[in-house]
């Protein structure tokens, strides 16, 4: 009997040609001419990100989680999320997670546990890497936020409240929802 979530199997798509339609160094839009699984020709457009995406679920000793709120330009609204960002060139996913926690929340952690990986969309190649950060303490050095993060605010809330917000739709950022639910399960909350 096979594993219920087995990913093995043949690729039913055939790629004829592939071209980069747009590339600004931070993301690239690619469009491929394909033969679809039904045998018909088609096109498939998707975004490629050159660096992995990271997300951190920072949990205090008293079961509080730090979340950040920032304006998301494409959505034209504020969004509550776990601290997150992308790795810089040559930076490991753990180093990127540590940097993002310092930049966005002003914290460092003495313990880091992987919470797995995932993809946010079938139209985006970026894989995200989630971490549970604990043993939190304020950083002593001054980390400067990027210009797009100047409006960011951080708030500490009970883990149960954050999980409830992830489940009822108050938190809509998919990577944050996954991170909070995985962390809650790991913590037995």
Protein backbone atom coordinates (compact mmCIF):
# COMPACT_ATOMS: atom_id res chain seq x y z
CA UNK A 1 0.00 0.00 0.00
CA UNK A 2 1.35 3.42 -0.90
CA UNK A 3 1.85 6.38 1.41
CA UNK A 4 -1.35 8.51 1.42
CA UNK A 5 0.64 11.69 0.66
CA UNK A 6 3.13 10.14 -1.76
CA UNK A 7 4.59 12.77 -4.12
CA UNK A 8 6.18 10.28 -6.53
CA UNK A 9 4.75 9.92 -9.99
CA UNK A 10 5.40 10.99 -13.57
CA UNK A 11 5.29 14.60 -14.71
CA UNK A 12 2.27 14.88 -17.06
CA UNK A 13 3.36 18.30 -18.41
CA UNK A 14 5.77 18.85 -21.32
CA UNK A 15 7.60 22.13 -21.70
CA UNK A 16 8.16 23.35 -25.27
CA UNK A 17 9.81 26.69 -24.63
CA UNK A 18 10.39 29.01 -21.72
CA UNK A 19 11.01 32.74 -21.65
CA UNK A 20 11.57 35.36 -18.98
CA UNK A 21 8.94 38.08 -19.48
CA UNK A 22 10.12 40.32 -16.63
CA UNK A 23 13.09 40.33 -14.21
CA UNK A 24 13.89 43.02 -11.66
CA UNK A 25 16.44 41.02 -9.64
CA UNK A 26 13.98 40.33 -6.80
CA UNK A 27 11.44 38.41 -8.86
CA UNK A 28 11.17 37.05 -12.34
CA UNK A 29 8.03 36.36 -14.38
CA UNK A 30 8.44 33.32 -16.62
CA UNK A 31 6.03 32.10 -19.29
CA UNK A 32 6.33 28.59 -20.71
CA UNK A 33 4.71 27.04 -23.76
CA UNK A 34 3.49 23.66 -22.59
CA UNK A 35 1.58 20.57 -23.49
CA UNK A 36 -0.95 20.14 -20.68
CA UNK A 37 -1.82 16.80 -19.04
CA UNK A 38 -4.83 16.50 -21.41
CA UNK A 39 -2.49 16.71 -24.43
CA UNK A 40 -3.61 20.19 -25.44
CA UNK A 41 -1.12 23.06 -25.92
CA UNK A 42 -1.16 25.93 -23.47
CA UNK A 43 0.89 28.45 -21.56
CA UNK A 44 1.90 28.52 -17.92
CA UNK A 45 3.09 31.75 -16.30
CA UNK A 46 4.68 31.82 -12.87
CA UNK A 47 6.91 33.92 -10.64
CA UNK A 48 10.39 32.83 -9.63
CA UNK A 49 12.03 34.27 -6.51
CA UNK A 50 15.81 33.93 -6.34
CA UNK A 51 15.95 33.57 -2.54
CA UNK A 52 14.02 31.44 -0.05
CA UNK A 53 11.31 33.01 2.10
CA UNK A 54 11.41 32.62 5.89
CA UNK A 55 8.83 32.99 8.64
CA UNK A 56 9.37 33.03 12.41
CA UNK A 57 6.88 32.19 15.16
CA UNK A 58 8.47 33.89 18.20
CA UNK A 59 7.01 32.47 21.44
CA UNK A 60 7.75 33.93 24.87
CA UNK A 61 8.12 31.80 27.99
CA UNK A 62 4.55 32.76 29.02
CA UNK A 63 3.03 31.50 25.71
CA UNK A 64 2.73 34.88 23.99
CA UNK A 65 3.48 35.19 20.27
CA UNK A 66 4.89 38.28 18.60
CA UNK A 67 3.05 39.35 15.46
CA UNK A 68 3.65 42.29 13.16
CA UNK A 69 1.20 44.48 11.29
CA UNK A 70 2.11 46.19 8.07
CA UNK A 71 0.43 47.62 5.02
CA UNK A 72 0.45 45.16 2.12
CA UNK A 73 0.44 47.25 -1.02
CA UNK A 74 -1.00 44.64 -3.45
CA UNK A 75 -3.88 43.92 -1.05
CA UNK A 76 -4.44 47.61 -0.16
CA UNK A 77 -4.89 46.75 3.51
CA UNK A 78 -3.01 46.08 6.72
CA UNK A 79 -2.09 42.49 7.50
CA UNK A 80 -1.20 40.77 10.79
CA UNK A 81 1.61 38.27 10.24
CA UNK A 82 4.47 36.41 11.82
CA UNK A 83 7.84 38.12 11.27
CA UNK A 84 8.96 37.10 7.79
CA UNK A 85 11.07 38.02 4.80
CA UNK A 86 13.50 36.52 2.35
CA UNK A 87 17.08 35.34 2.66
CA UNK A 88 19.78 37.54 1.21
CA UNK A 89 22.40 36.14 -1.16
CA UNK A 90 24.67 33.71 0.71
CA UNK A 91 22.49 33.73 3.83
CA UNK A 92 21.10 30.48 5.25
CA UNK A 93 17.39 30.24 6.03
CA UNK A 94 18.21 30.18 9.77
CA UNK A 95 20.41 33.28 9.48
CA UNK A 96 17.66 35.03 7.51
CA UNK A 97 15.10 34.09 10.18
CA UNK A 98 17.35 35.43 12.92
CA UNK A 99 17.86 38.69 11.01
CA UNK A 100 14.13 39.12 10.32
CA UNK A 101 13.27 38.58 14.01
CA UNK A 102 15.84 41.22 14.98
CA UNK A 103 14.75 43.72 12.30
CA UNK A 104 11.00 43.39 12.69
CA UNK A 105 10.56 42.76 16.42
CA UNK A 106 13.91 43.70 17.99
CA UNK A 107 14.37 40.24 19.50
CA UNK A 108 16.85 37.39 19.44
CA UNK A 109 16.16 33.77 20.38
CA UNK A 110 18.33 31.18 22.08
CA UNK A 111 16.34 28.23 20.65
CA UNK A 112 15.31 27.65 17.04
CA UNK A 113 13.18 24.70 15.91
CA UNK A 114 12.27 24.08 12.27
CA UNK A 115 8.51 23.95 11.62
CA UNK A 116 8.85 22.65 8.08
CA UNK A 117 8.49 24.17 4.66
CA UNK A 118 5.75 24.94 2.18
CA UNK A 119 4.71 26.79 -0.97
CA UNK A 120 2.17 29.60 -0.94
CA UNK A 121 0.92 29.25 -4.51
CA UNK A 122 1.24 27.06 -7.59
CA UNK A 123 2.17 30.23 -9.50
CA UNK A 124 5.19 31.01 -7.31
CA UNK A 125 8.40 28.97 -7.09
CA UNK A 126 9.40 30.34 -3.68
CA UNK A 127 9.54 27.79 -0.90
CA UNK A 128 9.06 29.13 2.61
CA UNK A 129 10.87 27.88 5.70
CA UNK A 130 9.22 28.20 9.11
CA UNK A 131 10.88 28.33 12.52
CA UNK A 132 9.68 28.35 16.11
CA UNK A 133 11.86 30.78 18.09
CA UNK A 134 11.94 30.68 21.90
CA UNK A 135 14.19 31.84 24.69
CA UNK A 136 13.51 35.39 23.53
CA UNK A 137 15.43 38.48 24.65
CA UNK A 138 15.80 42.03 23.32
CA UNK A 139 18.69 42.66 20.95
CA UNK A 140 21.36 45.13 21.93
CA UNK A 141 22.39 46.21 18.43
CA UNK A 142 20.24 48.47 16.29
CA UNK A 143 18.83 46.69 13.21
CA UNK A 144 17.38 49.05 10.63
CA UNK A 145 14.15 48.13 8.83
CA UNK A 146 13.76 48.41 5.08
CA UNK A 147 11.87 51.46 3.81
CA UNK A 148 8.80 49.36 3.01
CA UNK A 149 8.66 48.28 6.69
CA UNK A 150 8.71 51.73 8.33
CA UNK A 151 4.99 51.44 9.15
CA UNK A 152 5.41 48.00 10.76
CA UNK A 153 4.22 47.60 14.34
CA UNK A 154 4.79 44.59 16.59
CA UNK A 155 2.35 43.24 19.15
CA UNK A 156 2.50 40.38 21.63
CA UNK A 157 -0.68 38.30 22.00
CA UNK A 158 -1.53 34.95 23.63
CA UNK A 159 -0.81 32.02 21.31
CA UNK A 160 -4.43 30.81 21.63
CA UNK A 161 -5.70 34.22 20.48
CA UNK A 162 -3.36 34.23 17.46
CA UNK A 163 -4.45 30.69 16.51
CA UNK A 164 -8.11 31.71 16.81
CA UNK A 165 -7.42 34.68 14.51
CA UNK A 166 -5.70 32.35 12.02
CA UNK A 167 -8.69 30.00 12.05
CA UNK A 168 -11.45 32.62 11.83
CA UNK A 169 -9.87 34.74 9.09
CA UNK A 170 -8.63 37.77 11.02
CA UNK A 171 -5.13 36.66 10.02
CA UNK A 172 -5.18 36.05 6.26
CA UNK A 173 -1.48 35.76 5.39
CA UNK A 174 -1.21 32.07 4.46
CA UNK A 175 2.38 31.48 5.61
CA UNK A 176 1.50 33.04 8.98
CA UNK A 177 -1.54 30.79 9.35
CA UNK A 178 0.53 27.69 8.61
CA UNK A 179 3.30 28.81 10.97
CA UNK A 180 0.91 29.55 13.84
CA UNK A 181 -0.94 26.25 13.46
CA UNK A 182 2.26 24.21 13.26
CA UNK A 183 3.71 26.03 16.27
CA UNK A 184 0.53 25.53 18.30
CA UNK A 185 0.57 21.83 17.55
CA UNK A 186 4.24 21.56 18.48
CA UNK A 187 3.56 23.42 21.74
CA UNK A 188 0.43 21.39 22.52
CA UNK A 189 -1.70 24.54 22.62
